[in-house]
Amino acid sequence: MKNTIKVERAKKNITQAELAVLAKVSRQTINAMELGKYVPSTVLALRLAQIFTVEISEIFTLEDSDWG
C-alpha cells in the first residue's frame, strides 16, 4: 500500500516524532509506514486522516500487489 504521510507531514511542517505523539504511536511506526514497511490498523489510519484533516483515501492507496 502506498501512502503520502511524508507529504502530509511536510504540509503541516511536523516531524515524525511530532506526528507519532499526535497519533499515539512510536516514531519508528511512522517511519515504517512512510517506507511502506508497515500497514496501519484502521484505527491508526483514521487517526492520521483526522490529524491531517483529509480523507483516508487521500493518504493511503492500494497497489496491484495488495489485491493478492
Protein backbone atom coordinates (compact mmCIF):
# COMPACT_ATOMS: atom_id res chain seq x y z
CA MET A 1 0.00 0.00 0.00
CA LYS A 2 1.30 3.44 -0.94
CA ASN A 3 0.91 6.44 1.31
CA THR A 4 1.50 10.17 1.37
CA ILE A 5 2.31 10.51 5.07
CA LYS A 6 5.64 12.24 4.40
CA VAL A 7 3.94 14.74 2.08
CA GLU A 8 1.16 15.40 4.57
CA ARG A 9 3.74 15.90 7.34
CA ALA A 10 5.58 18.42 5.18
CA LYS A 11 2.36 20.35 4.55
CA LYS A 12 1.86 20.66 8.32
CA ASN A 13 5.60 21.16 8.93
CA ILE A 14 5.79 18.45 11.59
CA THR A 15 8.44 15.83 12.30
CA GLN A 16 7.95 12.08 12.51
CA ALA A 17 8.33 12.38 16.28
CA GLU A 18 5.65 15.08 16.50
CA LEU A 19 3.26 13.04 14.35
CA ALA A 20 3.96 9.98 16.48
CA VAL A 21 2.90 11.87 19.61
CA LEU A 22 -0.28 13.11 17.94
CA ALA A 23 -1.12 9.63 16.59
CA LYS A 24 -0.13 7.89 19.86
CA VAL A 25 2.42 5.58 18.22
CA SER A 26 6.21 5.42 18.14
CA ARG A 27 8.34 7.43 15.74
CA GLN A 28 9.56 4.09 14.39
CA THR A 29 5.98 3.22 13.44
CA ILE A 30 5.65 6.47 11.48
CA ASN A 31 8.99 5.80 9.79
CA ALA A 32 7.99 2.23 8.89
CA MET A 33 4.70 3.45 7.38
CA GLU A 34 6.47 6.12 5.33
CA LEU A 35 8.84 3.46 4.00
CA GLY A 36 5.93 1.17 3.13
CA LYS A 37 7.09 -1.49 5.59
CA TYR A 38 4.10 -1.24 7.91
CA VAL A 39 0.38 -1.17 7.11
CA PRO A 40 -1.53 0.69 9.82
CA SER A 41 -4.63 -0.55 11.58
CA THR A 42 -7.94 1.01 10.63
CA VAL A 43 -7.89 2.99 13.88
CA LEU A 44 -4.43 4.41 13.17
CA ALA A 45 -5.39 5.25 9.57
CA LEU A 46 -8.44 7.11 10.86
CA ARG A 47 -6.31 8.99 13.41
CA LEU A 48 -3.89 10.07 10.69
CA ALA A 49 -6.75 11.23 8.46
CA GLN A 50 -8.11 13.35 11.31
CA ILE A 51 -4.68 14.76 12.17
CA PHE A 52 -4.14 15.77 8.54
CA THR A 53 -7.82 16.72 8.04
CA VAL A 54 -8.11 14.67 4.85
CA GLU A 55 -9.93 11.53 3.77
CA ILE A 56 -8.13 8.21 4.36
CA SER A 57 -8.06 7.63 0.60
CA GLU A 58 -6.00 10.81 0.21
CA ILE A 59 -3.29 9.25 2.39
CA PHE A 60 -3.45 5.55 1.52
CA THR A 61 -3.87 3.90 -1.88
CA LEU A 62 -3.81 0.23 -2.79
CA GLU A 63 -1.24 -1.15 -5.18
CA ASP A 64 -1.87 -4.05 -7.57
CA SER A 65 0.05 -6.38 -5.24
CA ASP A 66 -2.41 -5.59 -2.43
CA TRP A 67 -5.10 -7.50 -4.28
CA GLY A 68 -3.25 -10.80 -3.80
